[in-house]
Amino acid sequence: NNSLPYNKYAFLTTHNSFAIEGSALFAAHPEAIRLTFTNQEDSITQQLNNGVRALMLDTYDFKGDVWLCHSFGGKCYDFTAFGPAIDTLKEIEAFLAANPSEIVTLMLEDYVEAPNGLTKVFTDAGLKKYWFPITSMPRNGEDWPLVSDMVAKNQRLVVFTSKKSKQDTEGIAYQWNFMVENEYGDGGMEAGKCPNRAESSSLGDRTKSLVLVNYFRTVPLNQFSCEDNSNNLINMLDTCHAASGNRWANF
């Protein structure tokens, strides 16, 4: 059923979607020696095939290109790098091409400083033809376009960046102009509380049409994955539903 506005759906979302244990990127790019956390077991393609529809990616300038890194201080290093962003973006393009009624959302923790660096990598990956334009995004809490209309227009890739300037320079939506978000990491897992992260307005801000609920540990621990993604997650969704003015999480 794609007859509702985009903001009336819940999209399964993975955090650090690219930080994959045993990733094929490791073999493809042996020059990158990783000493950093992983968050996922499935490849990007597997995640999408299993129903994930929103991906959180960390983009950095590295080796003269845009790379995906799980790093710190706004810089990517050999030991925090996972691979060139274009490899992951091409997987997303292949999924969109093979599934013409599906929509994918990307949330970029964006450290790219190269002028038009993101525009270039999205263009090179063949994703610009699916781009949902910022001019069609509601600014004051209104409903988004119908998913059926987005599909009909082939505007099936929605991209947000954490870097505010990119909205003007590259036409990529600044995330917190359009959504509210709770605290990430351990701070977002305290039962009965749903505080906003620093960059976001309060969860109850109805001028933002979208709601993102984080629920993951600061340090990912595989042995707690099933527990964390069961009743405790449902309880947090209920808590954040109330905090966001009786709106369910979109992501």
Foldseek 3Di string as FASTA:
>chain_A
DQQFFLLQAAAAEFEQLLQEVVDPLCVVCVQQAADDAGRHHDHLLVCVVVRHAEYEFEWACDPNAIFTFPDDPLHHDSHGTRHGVLVSLLSVVVVCVVPLLAAHEYEYAYSYDPQCRVVVSCVVSVNPQQADFPVQAQQFLDTGDGSVVSSVSSNRYQYEYCDPCCCVRPRHHHVQSAEWEFDAAPNLQPQLDTATDPVHDWLQRSRHNAYYRHQAHPRHDVVCVVVSPPPSVVRSQVSSCVRNPNRGHND
